[in-house]
């Protein structure tokens, strides 16, 4: 079934595909020559998946050979536990990602040819590199990532580069120590609470010596 929609203007660039409205289905993003951006909601028959996304970046370049897609033989995507937005409070951020390689002859290649370089960047700039590691096997990995740029909201791009120069990407967002004031409150209050507990639990025991001492007028002398 083919449906034609007249947007009333020239479309100079390729239509992009992503879940813009957060409905779990793919949306078509159309940009016109006059600067308008139009989103068209697709049916639920095409569910969202990181491999179905077709947006900007080197993934869409001709050099990449249009390798990105759901039918791709290899790629990378972030699991739902890390994709769901979360405000992290602490030093490290836990990110779970999956590298897959379904090429039929992948295991026949030399070990040098089975290298998967994974980068985690804040945005697309290499100056904001958060994580970089080379894997020799596909699979599911959970990594601890330190964010050296301070508290804030981050849009992270997970990029996989193969030894053949093909690039695969996935993106997600999270907040990093945005509510750090609540953490400072715990740091200040916890030592005070811990120090107050022994003082509240310890009581002075009453003895006969104390009674004799108090009956003398608390002067502590034998003759009074």
N, C-alpha and C. Protein backbone atom coordinates (compact mmCIF):
# COMPACT_ATOMS: atom_id res chain seq x y z
N UNK A 1 0.85 -1.18 0.00
CA UNK A 1 0.00 0.00 0.00
C UNK A 1 0.89 1.24 0.00
N UNK A 2 0.68 2.14 -0.95
CA UNK A 2 1.46 3.36 -1.07
C UNK A 2 0.55 4.56 -0.87
N UNK A 3 0.98 5.49 -0.03
CA UNK A 3 0.20 6.68 0.24
C UNK A 3 1.04 7.91 -0.07
N UNK A 4 0.48 8.82 -0.83
CA UNK A 4 1.17 10.04 -1.23
C UNK A 4 0.60 11.22 -0.45
N UNK A 5 1.48 12.03 0.11
CA UNK A 5 1.08 13.19 0.90
C UNK A 5 1.72 14.43 0.30
N UNK A 6 0.93 15.45 0.05
CA UNK A 6 1.41 16.71 -0.49
C UNK A 6 1.65 17.67 0.67
N UNK A 7 2.91 18.02 0.91
CA UNK A 7 3.25 18.92 2.01
C UNK A 7 3.29 20.37 1.56
N UNK A 8 3.09 20.63 0.27
CA UNK A 8 3.01 22.00 -0.23
C UNK A 8 4.34 22.69 -0.40
N UNK A 9 5.42 21.97 -0.41
CA UNK A 9 6.74 22.58 -0.58
C UNK A 9 7.71 21.53 -1.08
N UNK A 10 8.89 22.01 -1.48
CA UNK A 10 9.93 21.11 -1.98
C UNK A 10 10.65 20.46 -0.80
N UNK A 11 10.95 19.18 -0.95
CA UNK A 11 11.69 18.43 0.07
C UNK A 11 13.11 18.22 -0.44
N UNK A 12 14.08 19.02 0.04
CA UNK A 12 15.44 18.93 -0.51
C UNK A 12 16.28 17.80 0.07
N UNK A 13 15.88 17.22 1.18
CA UNK A 13 16.71 16.22 1.84
C UNK A 13 15.93 14.93 2.04
N UNK A 14 16.67 13.89 2.38
CA UNK A 14 16.05 12.59 2.59
C UNK A 14 15.17 12.60 3.84
N UNK A 15 14.10 11.87 3.79
CA UNK A 15 13.20 11.74 4.93
C UNK A 15 13.87 10.89 6.01
N UNK A 16 13.81 11.36 7.25
CA UNK A 16 14.40 10.64 8.37
C UNK A 16 13.32 9.86 9.12
N UNK A 17 13.76 8.84 9.84
CA UNK A 17 12.84 7.95 10.55
C UNK A 17 13.30 7.81 11.99
N UNK A 18 12.41 8.09 12.94
CA UNK A 18 12.73 7.94 14.36
C UNK A 18 11.43 8.01 15.15
N UNK A 19 11.51 7.64 16.42
CA UNK A 19 10.35 7.73 17.32
C UNK A 19 10.39 9.10 17.98
N UNK A 20 9.76 10.07 17.36
CA UNK A 20 9.80 11.44 17.85
C UNK A 20 8.82 11.65 19.00
N UNK A 21 7.64 11.07 18.92
CA UNK A 21 6.58 11.30 19.89
C UNK A 21 6.61 10.33 21.06
N UNK A 22 7.53 9.38 21.05
CA UNK A 22 7.64 8.44 22.15
C UNK A 22 6.48 7.48 22.26
N UNK A 23 5.87 7.12 21.14
CA UNK A 23 4.73 6.21 21.13
C UNK A 23 5.14 4.75 20.94
N UNK A 24 6.41 4.50 20.71
CA UNK A 24 6.86 3.14 20.46
C UNK A 24 6.77 2.74 19.01
N UNK A 25 6.36 3.66 18.14
CA UNK A 25 6.30 3.41 16.70
C UNK A 25 7.17 4.44 15.98
N UNK A 26 7.52 4.13 14.75
CA UNK A 26 8.38 5.02 13.98
C UNK A 26 7.60 6.18 13.39
N UNK A 27 8.24 7.35 13.34
CA UNK A 27 7.68 8.55 12.73
C UNK A 27 8.56 8.99 11.58
N UNK A 28 7.95 9.60 10.58
CA UNK A 28 8.68 10.15 9.45
C UNK A 28 8.92 11.63 9.69
N UNK A 29 10.17 12.08 9.58
CA UNK A 29 10.53 13.48 9.77
C UNK A 29 10.86 14.07 8.42
N UNK A 30 10.07 15.05 8.00
CA UNK A 30 10.21 15.66 6.68
C UNK A 30 10.60 17.12 6.87
N UNK A 31 11.64 17.56 6.20
CA UNK A 31 12.06 18.96 6.22
C UNK A 31 11.85 19.56 4.84
N UNK A 32 11.29 20.76 4.79
CA UNK A 32 10.99 21.42 3.52
C UNK A 32 12.03 22.50 3.23
N UNK A 33 11.97 23.02 2.01
CA UNK A 33 12.92 24.05 1.60
C UNK A 33 12.71 25.36 2.34
N UNK A 34 11.52 25.61 2.85
CA UNK A 34 11.25 26.85 3.58
C UNK A 34 11.61 26.76 5.05
N UNK A 35 12.13 25.61 5.51
CA UNK A 35 12.56 25.46 6.89
C UNK A 35 11.57 24.80 7.81
N UNK A 36 10.47 24.33 7.29
CA UNK A 36 9.48 23.66 8.13
C UNK A 36 9.88 22.21 8.38
N UNK A 37 9.53 21.72 9.57
CA UNK A 37 9.78 20.33 9.94
C UNK A 37 8.43 19.68 10.21
N UNK A 38 8.13 18.62 9.48
CA UNK A 38 6.84 17.94 9.58
C UNK A 38 7.09 16.51 10.03
N UNK A 39 6.32 16.07 11.02
CA UNK A 39 6.41 14.69 11.48
C UNK A 39 5.13 13.96 11.11
N UNK A 40 5.28 12.80 10.54
CA UNK A 40 4.16 11.96 10.13
C UNK A 40 4.22 10.67 10.93
N UNK A 41 3.18 10.40 11.67
CA UNK A 41 3.15 9.19 12.48
C UNK A 41 2.83 7.98 11.62
N UNK A 42 3.70 6.97 11.70
CA UNK A 42 3.46 5.73 10.98
C UNK A 42 2.55 4.83 11.81
N UNK A 43 2.11 3.77 11.21
CA UNK A 43 1.23 2.85 11.92
C UNK A 43 2.03 2.03 12.92
N UNK A 44 1.31 1.35 13.81
CA UNK A 44 1.95 0.50 14.81
C UNK A 44 2.56 -0.75 14.20
N UNK A 45 2.35 -0.95 12.91
CA UNK A 45 2.90 -2.14 12.26
C UNK A 45 4.42 -2.07 12.17
N UNK A 46 4.98 -0.87 12.33
CA UNK A 46 6.43 -0.70 12.28
C UNK A 46 6.88 -0.24 13.66
N UNK A 47 7.15 -1.15 14.58
CA UNK A 47 7.54 -0.75 15.94
C UNK A 47 8.93 -0.14 15.96
N UNK A 48 9.15 0.66 17.00
CA UNK A 48 10.47 1.28 17.14
C UNK A 48 11.50 0.25 17.58
N UNK A 49 12.65 0.33 16.96
CA UNK A 49 13.83 -0.42 17.38
C UNK A 49 15.04 0.40 16.96
N UNK A 50 16.11 0.39 17.76
CA UNK A 50 17.28 1.19 17.40
C UNK A 50 17.81 0.91 16.00
N UNK A 51 17.63 -0.32 15.53
CA UNK A 51 18.14 -0.65 14.20
C UNK A 51 17.23 -0.14 13.09
N UNK A 52 15.99 0.24 13.44
CA UNK A 52 15.08 0.79 12.44
C UNK A 52 15.26 2.29 12.23
N UNK A 53 15.97 2.94 13.13
CA UNK A 53 16.12 4.39 13.07
C UNK A 53 17.01 4.77 11.89
N UNK A 54 16.59 5.82 11.20
CA UNK A 54 17.38 6.34 10.07
C UNK A 54 17.44 7.84 10.21
N UNK A 55 18.52 8.36 10.82
CA UNK A 55 18.62 9.79 11.07
C UNK A 55 19.95 10.32 10.57
N UNK A 56 20.43 11.39 11.19
CA UNK A 56 21.64 12.05 10.70
C UNK A 56 22.89 11.31 11.14
N UNK A 57 24.03 11.82 10.67
CA UNK A 57 25.30 11.25 11.08
C UNK A 57 25.94 10.40 10.00
N UNK A 58 27.10 9.83 10.31
CA UNK A 58 27.81 9.00 9.32
C UNK A 58 27.06 7.73 8.95
N UNK A 59 26.04 7.36 9.73
CA UNK A 59 25.27 6.16 9.42
C UNK A 59 24.60 6.30 8.06
N UNK A 60 24.18 7.51 7.70
CA UNK A 60 23.46 7.74 6.45
C UNK A 60 24.39 8.05 5.29
N UNK A 61 25.67 8.15 5.52
CA UNK A 61 26.57 8.55 4.44
C UNK A 61 26.73 7.43 3.42
N UNK A 62 27.13 7.81 2.23
CA UNK A 62 27.35 6.83 1.18
C UNK A 62 28.56 5.95 1.49
N UNK A 63 29.50 6.52 2.23
CA UNK A 63 30.70 5.75 2.58
C UNK A 63 30.32 4.55 3.44
N UNK A 64 29.27 4.70 4.23
CA UNK A 64 28.84 3.61 5.10
C UNK A 64 28.09 2.52 4.35
N UNK A 65 27.80 2.74 3.09
CA UNK A 65 27.18 1.69 2.29
C UNK A 65 25.76 1.37 2.69
N UNK A 66 25.08 2.31 3.38
CA UNK A 66 23.70 2.10 3.83
C UNK A 66 23.57 0.78 4.59
N UNK A 67 24.52 0.54 5.49
CA UNK A 67 24.55 -0.73 6.23
C UNK A 67 23.61 -0.74 7.42
N UNK A 68 23.20 0.46 7.89
CA UNK A 68 22.32 0.52 9.05
C UNK A 68 20.92 0.06 8.67
N UNK A 69 20.28 -0.69 9.56
CA UNK A 69 18.92 -1.13 9.29
C UNK A 69 18.61 -2.40 10.06
N UNK A 70 17.32 -2.73 10.12
CA UNK A 70 16.90 -3.89 10.89
C UNK A 70 17.42 -5.19 10.29
N UNK A 71 17.62 -5.21 8.99
CA UNK A 71 18.13 -6.41 8.33
C UNK A 71 19.65 -6.43 8.26
N UNK A 72 20.31 -5.53 8.98
CA UNK A 72 21.76 -5.48 8.95
C UNK A 72 22.35 -6.73 9.58
N UNK A 73 23.49 -7.15 9.08
CA UNK A 73 24.13 -8.35 9.60
C UNK A 73 24.91 -8.09 10.87
N UNK A 74 25.21 -6.83 11.17
CA UNK A 74 25.93 -6.49 12.40
C UNK A 74 25.49 -5.10 12.85
N UNK A 75 25.79 -4.78 14.10
CA UNK A 75 25.39 -3.48 14.61
C UNK A 75 25.51 -3.41 16.12
N UNK A 76 24.98 -2.35 16.69
CA UNK A 76 25.01 -2.11 18.13
C UNK A 76 23.73 -1.41 18.54
N UNK A 77 23.22 -1.73 19.72
CA UNK A 77 22.09 -1.00 20.27
C UNK A 77 22.12 -1.10 21.79
N UNK A 78 21.55 -0.10 22.43
CA UNK A 78 21.51 0.00 23.89
C UNK A 78 20.25 -0.69 24.38
N UNK A 79 20.37 -1.48 25.44
CA UNK A 79 19.23 -2.21 25.97
C UNK A 79 18.25 -1.26 26.66
N UNK A 80 17.04 -1.77 26.86
CA UNK A 80 15.96 -0.95 27.40
C UNK A 80 16.28 -0.44 28.80
N UNK A 81 17.00 -1.22 29.60
CA UNK A 81 17.30 -0.81 30.97
C UNK A 81 18.17 0.45 31.00
N UNK A 82 18.97 0.65 29.97
CA UNK A 82 19.78 1.86 29.88
C UNK A 82 19.14 2.92 29.01
N UNK A 83 18.27 2.51 28.10
CA UNK A 83 17.62 3.47 27.21
C UNK A 83 16.57 4.30 27.96
N UNK A 84 15.90 3.69 28.93
CA UNK A 84 14.90 4.42 29.70
C UNK A 84 15.56 5.57 30.45
N UNK A 85 14.98 6.75 30.33
CA UNK A 85 15.59 7.93 30.94
C UNK A 85 15.65 7.78 32.45
N UNK A 86 16.79 8.19 33.02
CA UNK A 86 17.00 8.08 34.46
C UNK A 86 17.95 9.17 34.91
N UNK A 87 17.71 9.69 36.12
CA UNK A 87 18.63 10.64 36.74
C UNK A 87 19.60 9.87 37.63
N UNK A 88 20.84 9.79 37.20
CA UNK A 88 21.86 9.05 37.95
C UNK A 88 22.45 9.94 39.03
N UNK A 89 22.62 9.36 40.21
CA UNK A 89 23.23 10.06 41.33
C UNK A 89 24.40 9.21 41.81
N UNK A 90 25.61 9.67 41.55
CA UNK A 90 26.79 8.90 41.91
C UNK A 90 27.94 9.23 40.97
N UNK A 91 28.94 8.38 41.00
CA UNK A 91 30.14 8.63 40.20
C UNK A 91 30.02 8.00 38.82
N UNK A 92 29.51 6.77 38.76
CA UNK A 92 29.48 6.04 37.50
C UNK A 92 28.05 5.86 37.01
N UNK A 93 27.93 5.70 35.69
CA UNK A 93 26.67 5.40 35.02
C UNK A 93 26.78 4.01 34.42
N UNK A 94 25.82 3.14 34.72
CA UNK A 94 25.82 1.78 34.20
C UNK A 94 25.08 1.75 32.86
N UNK A 95 25.77 1.29 31.83
CA UNK A 95 25.21 1.24 30.48
C UNK A 95 25.33 -0.18 29.96
N UNK A 96 24.21 -0.74 29.53
CA UNK A 96 24.17 -2.09 28.97
C UNK A 96 23.92 -1.98 27.47
N UNK A 97 24.82 -2.54 26.69
CA UNK A 97 24.71 -2.48 25.24
C UNK A 97 24.98 -3.86 24.66
N UNK A 98 24.54 -4.03 23.44
CA UNK A 98 24.70 -5.32 22.76
C UNK A 98 25.36 -5.13 21.41
N UNK A 99 26.40 -5.90 21.18
CA UNK A 99 27.08 -5.96 19.88
C UNK A 99 26.70 -7.28 19.23
N UNK A 100 26.21 -7.22 18.01
CA UNK A 100 25.85 -8.45 17.33
C UNK A 100 26.50 -8.49 15.95
N UNK A 101 26.82 -9.68 15.53
CA UNK A 101 27.44 -9.92 14.22
C UNK A 101 26.89 -11.23 13.68
N UNK A 102 25.99 -11.13 12.72
CA UNK A 102 25.34 -12.30 12.16
C UNK A 102 25.88 -12.68 10.78
N UNK A 103 27.01 -12.18 10.44
CA UNK A 103 27.59 -12.55 9.15
C UNK A 103 27.91 -14.04 9.15
N UNK A 104 27.59 -14.74 8.09
CA UNK A 104 27.80 -16.20 8.09
C UNK A 104 29.26 -16.61 8.16
N UNK A 105 30.15 -15.77 7.67
CA UNK A 105 31.58 -16.12 7.66
C UNK A 105 32.39 -15.31 8.67
N UNK A 106 31.70 -14.75 9.66
CA UNK A 106 32.41 -13.90 10.62
C UNK A 106 33.44 -14.68 11.41
N UNK A 107 33.12 -15.92 11.81
CA UNK A 107 34.03 -16.70 12.65
C UNK A 107 35.17 -17.31 11.85
N UNK A 108 35.10 -17.22 10.52
CA UNK A 108 36.18 -17.73 9.70
C UNK A 108 37.26 -16.68 9.46
N UNK A 109 36.99 -15.46 9.83
CA UNK A 109 37.96 -14.40 9.64
C UNK A 109 39.07 -14.49 10.68
N UNK A 110 40.16 -13.83 10.38
CA UNK A 110 41.27 -13.78 11.31
C UNK A 110 40.87 -12.97 12.55
N UNK A 111 41.49 -13.26 13.70
CA UNK A 111 41.14 -12.50 14.91
C UNK A 111 41.32 -11.00 14.75
N UNK A 112 42.26 -10.58 13.91
CA UNK A 112 42.47 -9.15 13.71
C UNK A 112 41.30 -8.50 12.99
N UNK A 113 40.54 -9.32 12.24
CA UNK A 113 39.41 -8.79 11.51
C UNK A 113 38.12 -8.78 12.33
N UNK A 114 38.15 -9.41 13.49
CA UNK A 114 36.97 -9.45 14.35
C UNK A 114 37.15 -8.52 15.54
N UNK A 115 37.34 -7.25 15.24
CA UNK A 115 37.48 -6.22 16.26
C UNK A 115 36.31 -5.25 16.16
N UNK A 116 35.73 -4.94 17.31
CA UNK A 116 34.58 -4.05 17.35
C UNK A 116 34.93 -2.88 18.27
N UNK A 117 35.12 -1.71 17.67
CA UNK A 117 35.47 -0.51 18.43
C UNK A 117 34.20 0.24 18.81
N UNK A 118 33.99 0.41 20.11
CA UNK A 118 32.78 1.05 20.62
C UNK A 118 33.17 2.37 21.28
N UNK A 119 32.49 3.43 20.87
CA UNK A 119 32.67 4.76 21.46
C UNK A 119 31.36 5.23 22.06
N UNK A 120 31.45 5.85 23.22
CA UNK A 120 30.31 6.53 23.84
C UNK A 120 30.66 8.00 23.93
N UNK A 121 29.87 8.84 23.25
CA UNK A 121 30.17 10.25 23.19
C UNK A 121 28.97 11.06 23.65
N UNK A 122 29.26 12.22 24.20
CA UNK A 122 28.22 13.18 24.50
C UNK A 122 28.03 14.04 23.27
N UNK A 123 27.00 13.75 22.50
CA UNK A 123 26.85 14.39 21.20
C UNK A 123 27.70 13.68 20.16
N UNK A 124 28.07 14.39 19.13
CA UNK A 124 28.85 13.78 18.05
C UNK A 124 30.31 14.19 18.06
N UNK A 125 30.72 15.03 19.00
CA UNK A 125 32.09 15.52 19.03
C UNK A 125 33.02 14.50 19.68
N UNK A 126 34.20 14.33 19.09
CA UNK A 126 35.20 13.44 19.68
C UNK A 126 35.85 14.05 20.92
N UNK A 127 35.67 15.36 21.15
CA UNK A 127 36.23 16.00 22.33
C UNK A 127 35.46 15.64 23.60
N UNK A 128 34.26 15.11 23.45
CA UNK A 128 33.47 14.71 24.61
C UNK A 128 33.30 13.20 24.63
N UNK A 129 34.42 12.52 24.50
CA UNK A 129 34.43 11.06 24.55
C UNK A 129 34.31 10.60 26.00
N UNK A 130 33.34 9.75 26.27
CA UNK A 130 33.14 9.21 27.61
C UNK A 130 33.73 7.83 27.78
N UNK A 131 33.75 7.07 26.73
CA UNK A 131 34.14 5.66 26.84
C UNK A 131 34.61 5.18 25.47
N UNK A 132 35.65 4.36 25.49
CA UNK A 132 36.16 3.76 24.25
C UNK A 132 36.79 2.42 24.59
N UNK A 133 36.36 1.40 23.89
CA UNK A 133 36.87 0.05 24.15
C UNK A 133 36.76 -0.79 22.89
N UNK A 134 37.71 -1.70 22.73
CA UNK A 134 37.73 -2.61 21.59
C UNK A 134 37.36 -4.00 22.07
N UNK A 135 36.33 -4.57 21.49
CA UNK A 135 35.86 -5.92 21.84
C UNK A 135 36.25 -6.88 20.73
N UNK A 136 36.49 -8.12 21.12
CA UNK A 136 36.83 -9.14 20.13
C UNK A 136 35.72 -10.16 19.93
N UNK A 137 34.61 -10.01 20.66
CA UNK A 137 33.48 -10.92 20.50
C UNK A 137 32.18 -10.12 20.61
N UNK A 138 31.18 -10.47 19.83
CA UNK A 138 29.87 -9.86 20.02
C UNK A 138 29.21 -10.39 21.29
N UNK A 139 28.22 -9.68 21.78
CA UNK A 139 27.53 -10.10 22.99
C UNK A 139 26.96 -8.92 23.74
N UNK A 140 26.45 -9.19 24.93
CA UNK A 140 25.86 -8.17 25.79
C UNK A 140 26.88 -7.77 26.85
N UNK A 141 27.12 -6.48 26.97
CA UNK A 141 28.13 -5.97 27.90
C UNK A 141 27.51 -4.85 28.74
N UNK A 142 27.88 -4.82 30.01
CA UNK A 142 27.49 -3.75 30.92
C UNK A 142 28.76 -3.04 31.40
N UNK A 143 28.85 -1.76 31.12
CA UNK A 143 30.05 -0.99 31.42
C UNK A 143 29.74 0.14 32.40
N UNK A 144 30.74 0.44 33.23
CA UNK A 144 30.67 1.60 34.12
C UNK A 144 31.32 2.78 33.42
N UNK A 145 30.57 3.84 33.26
CA UNK A 145 31.05 5.00 32.51
C UNK A 145 31.10 6.21 33.44
N UNK A 146 32.23 6.87 33.45
CA UNK A 146 32.41 8.09 34.24
C UNK A 146 32.20 9.30 33.34
N UNK A 147 31.44 10.27 33.82
CA UNK A 147 31.17 11.50 33.06
C UNK A 147 32.01 12.62 33.65
N UNK A 148 33.07 13.04 32.97
CA UNK A 148 33.97 14.05 33.56
C UNK A 148 33.52 15.49 33.34
N UNK A 149 32.37 15.70 32.73
CA UNK A 149 31.96 17.06 32.38
C UNK A 149 31.00 17.68 33.40
N UNK A 150 30.80 17.02 34.53
CA UNK A 150 29.99 17.59 35.59
C UNK A 150 28.51 17.29 35.45
N UNK A 151 27.71 17.74 36.42
CA UNK A 151 26.27 17.48 36.40
C UNK A 151 25.61 18.10 35.18
N UNK A 152 24.55 17.45 34.72
CA UNK A 152 23.81 17.98 33.58
C UNK A 152 23.02 16.88 32.89
N UNK A 153 22.38 17.28 31.80
CA UNK A 153 21.62 16.35 30.97
C UNK A 153 22.45 16.03 29.73
N UNK A 154 22.53 14.74 29.41
CA UNK A 154 23.42 14.30 28.34
C UNK A 154 22.66 13.47 27.32
N UNK A 155 22.97 13.72 26.05
CA UNK A 155 22.49 12.89 24.95
C UNK A 155 23.69 12.10 24.43
N UNK A 156 23.67 10.80 24.63
CA UNK A 156 24.81 9.94 24.36
C UNK A 156 24.61 9.20 23.04
N UNK A 157 25.67 9.11 22.28
CA UNK A 157 25.69 8.33 21.04
C UNK A 157 26.62 7.16 21.23
N UNK A 158 26.09 5.96 21.08
CA UNK A 158 26.89 4.73 21.11
C UNK A 158 27.23 4.36 19.68
N UNK A 159 28.51 4.36 19.35
CA UNK A 159 28.94 4.13 17.97
C UNK A 159 29.84 2.90 17.89
N UNK A 160 29.53 2.06 16.95
CA UNK A 160 30.33 0.86 16.68
C UNK A 160 30.99 1.01 15.32
N UNK A 161 32.30 0.80 15.29
CA UNK A 161 33.06 0.85 14.04
C UNK A 161 33.74 -0.50 13.84
N UNK A 162 33.50 -1.12 12.70
CA UNK A 162 34.09 -2.41 12.40
C UNK A 162 35.44 -2.23 11.72
N UNK A 163 36.15 -3.34 11.56
CA UNK A 163 37.45 -3.28 10.88
C UNK A 163 37.30 -2.96 9.40
N UNK A 164 36.09 -3.10 8.86
CA UNK A 164 35.84 -2.77 7.46
C UNK A 164 35.42 -1.31 7.28
N UNK A 165 35.38 -0.55 8.36
CA UNK A 165 35.04 0.86 8.28
C UNK A 165 33.56 1.17 8.33
N UNK A 166 32.71 0.16 8.56
CA UNK A 166 31.27 0.41 8.66
C UNK A 166 30.94 0.96 10.05
N UNK A 167 29.97 1.86 10.10
CA UNK A 167 29.62 2.56 11.33
C UNK A 167 28.15 2.27 11.65
N UNK A 168 27.90 1.95 12.92
CA UNK A 168 26.54 1.73 13.42
C UNK A 168 26.36 2.57 14.68
N UNK A 169 25.19 3.15 14.84
CA UNK A 169 24.96 4.07 15.95
C UNK A 169 23.64 3.79 16.66
N UNK A 170 23.60 4.22 17.91
CA UNK A 170 22.38 4.26 18.70
C UNK A 170 22.52 5.41 19.68
N UNK A 171 21.42 6.01 20.08
CA UNK A 171 21.47 7.17 20.97
C UNK A 171 20.47 7.02 22.10
N UNK A 172 20.79 7.62 23.23
CA UNK A 172 19.92 7.63 24.40
C UNK A 172 20.31 8.81 25.28
N UNK A 173 19.50 9.10 26.30
CA UNK A 173 19.73 10.26 27.15
C UNK A 173 19.60 9.88 28.61
N UNK A 174 20.26 10.66 29.47
CA UNK A 174 20.14 10.49 30.91
C UNK A 174 20.57 11.78 31.60
N UNK A 175 20.20 11.89 32.87
CA UNK A 175 20.65 13.00 33.70
C UNK A 175 21.74 12.52 34.65
N UNK A 176 22.76 13.34 34.82
CA UNK A 176 23.91 12.93 35.64
C UNK A 176 24.07 13.91 36.80
N UNK A 177 23.77 13.42 38.01
CA UNK A 177 23.92 14.21 39.24
C UNK A 177 23.22 15.56 39.14
N UNK A 178 22.06 15.56 38.51
CA UNK A 178 21.29 16.79 38.40
C UNK A 178 20.77 17.22 39.77
N UNK A 179 20.34 16.26 40.58
CA UNK A 179 19.86 16.54 41.94
C UNK A 179 20.97 16.26 42.96
N UNK A 180 22.14 16.82 42.71
CA UNK A 180 23.27 16.55 43.60
C UNK A 180 23.08 17.17 44.97
N UNK A 181 22.18 18.16 45.10
CA UNK A 181 21.96 18.79 46.41
C UNK A 181 21.39 17.79 47.41
N UNK A 182 20.55 16.87 46.92
CA UNK A 182 20.01 15.85 47.82
C UNK A 182 21.11 14.92 48.31
N UNK A 183 22.09 14.66 47.46
CA UNK A 183 23.22 13.84 47.89
C UNK A 183 24.08 14.54 48.92
N UNK A 184 24.25 15.86 48.78
CA UNK A 184 25.02 16.61 49.77
C UNK A 184 24.31 16.61 51.12
N UNK A 185 22.98 16.65 51.11
CA UNK A 185 22.24 16.62 52.37
C UNK A 185 22.49 15.32 53.12
N UNK A 186 22.51 14.20 52.38
CA UNK A 186 22.80 12.92 53.02
C UNK A 186 24.22 12.87 53.56
N UNK A 187 25.16 13.46 52.84
CA UNK A 187 26.55 13.46 53.30
C UNK A 187 26.69 14.23 54.62
N UNK A 188 25.93 15.30 54.77
CA UNK A 188 26.01 16.11 55.98
C UNK A 188 25.24 15.46 57.13
N UNK A 189 24.08 14.91 56.85
CA UNK A 189 23.22 14.39 57.91
C UNK A 189 23.64 13.02 58.42
N UNK A 190 24.15 12.17 57.56
CA UNK A 190 24.47 10.81 57.97
C UNK A 190 25.50 10.75 59.09
N UNK A 191 26.63 11.49 59.03
CA UNK A 191 27.57 11.44 60.16
C UNK A 191 26.95 11.91 61.48
N UNK A 192 26.07 12.91 61.41
CA UNK A 192 25.43 13.39 62.63
C UNK A 192 24.48 12.34 63.21
N UNK A 193 23.75 11.66 62.35
CA UNK A 193 22.83 10.62 62.82
C UNK A 193 23.60 9.45 63.42
N UNK A 194 24.68 9.04 62.76
CA UNK A 194 25.48 7.91 63.27
C UNK A 194 26.12 8.26 64.61
N UNK A 195 26.57 9.51 64.77
CA UNK A 195 27.18 9.91 66.04
C UNK A 195 26.14 10.06 67.15
N UNK A 196 24.90 10.39 66.81
CA UNK A 196 23.88 10.58 67.83
C UNK A 196 23.30 9.28 68.35
N UNK A 197 23.33 8.22 67.55
CA UNK A 197 22.75 6.94 67.97
C UNK A 197 23.43 6.38 69.22
N UNK A 198 24.77 6.30 69.31
CA UNK A 198 25.39 5.80 70.56
C UNK A 198 25.08 6.67 71.78
N UNK A 199 24.99 7.98 71.58
CA UNK A 199 24.68 8.86 72.71
C UNK A 199 23.28 8.63 73.25
N UNK A 200 22.36 8.28 72.38
CA UNK A 200 20.99 8.01 72.83
C UNK A 200 20.84 6.64 73.47
N UNK A 201 21.68 5.70 73.07
CA UNK A 201 21.57 4.34 73.59
C UNK A 201 22.30 4.15 74.91
N UNK A 202 23.37 4.90 75.13
CA UNK A 202 24.18 4.72 76.34
C UNK A 202 23.53 5.48 77.50
N UNK A 203 23.30 4.79 78.64
CA UNK A 203 22.74 5.39 79.85
C UNK A 203 23.65 5.11 81.03
N UNK A 204 23.64 6.01 82.01
CA UNK A 204 24.47 5.84 83.20
C UNK A 204 23.76 4.91 84.17
N UNK A 205 24.47 3.91 84.69
CA UNK A 205 23.91 2.96 85.65
C UNK A 205 23.95 3.54 87.07
N UNK A 206 22.85 3.38 87.82
CA UNK A 206 22.76 3.86 89.21
C UNK A 206 23.36 2.82 90.15
N UNK A 207 24.31 3.23 91.02
CA UNK A 207 24.97 2.33 91.97
C UNK A 207 24.83 2.89 93.38
N UNK A 208 25.16 2.03 94.37
CA UNK A 208 25.10 2.47 95.78
C UNK A 208 26.13 3.54 96.05
N UNK A 209 27.26 3.46 95.43
CA UNK A 209 28.28 4.48 95.65
C UNK A 209 27.77 5.85 95.23
N UNK A 210 27.00 5.88 94.16
CA UNK A 210 26.45 7.15 93.72
C UNK A 210 25.43 7.69 94.72
N UNK A 211 24.64 6.78 95.35
CA UNK A 211 23.67 7.22 96.34
C UNK A 211 24.36 7.79 97.57
N UNK A 212 25.43 7.12 98.06
CA UNK A 212 26.16 7.63 99.21
C UNK A 212 26.80 8.97 98.89
N UNK A 213 27.26 9.06 97.67
CA UNK A 213 27.91 10.30 97.28
C UNK A 213 26.92 11.45 97.27
N UNK A 214 25.71 11.18 96.79
CA UNK A 214 24.71 12.25 96.73
C UNK A 214 24.17 12.61 98.11
N UNK A 215 24.16 11.65 99.08
CA UNK A 215 23.64 11.93 100.43
C UNK A 215 24.57 12.79 101.24
N UNK A 216 25.81 12.89 100.89
CA UNK A 216 26.77 13.73 101.61
C UNK A 216 26.74 15.17 101.15
N UNK A 217 25.80 15.46 100.28
CA UNK A 217 25.73 16.83 99.80
C UNK A 217 26.60 17.06 98.60
N UNK A 218 27.05 15.95 98.00
CA UNK A 218 27.84 16.02 96.76
C UNK A 218 29.14 16.75 96.96
N UNK A 219 29.65 16.72 98.29
CA UNK A 219 30.93 17.36 98.52
C UNK A 219 32.07 16.37 98.48
N UNK A 220 31.77 15.10 98.66
CA UNK A 220 32.78 14.07 98.52
C UNK A 220 33.77 14.00 99.65
N UNK A 221 33.47 14.61 100.86
CA UNK A 221 34.42 14.57 101.98
C UNK A 221 33.87 13.64 103.06
N UNK A 222 34.78 12.98 103.80
CA UNK A 222 34.38 11.98 104.79
C UNK A 222 33.67 12.63 105.98
N UNK A 223 34.15 13.74 106.51
CA UNK A 223 33.59 14.38 107.70
C UNK A 223 32.46 15.35 107.37
N UNK A 224 32.12 15.46 106.08
CA UNK A 224 31.00 16.29 105.72
C UNK A 224 31.36 17.72 105.44
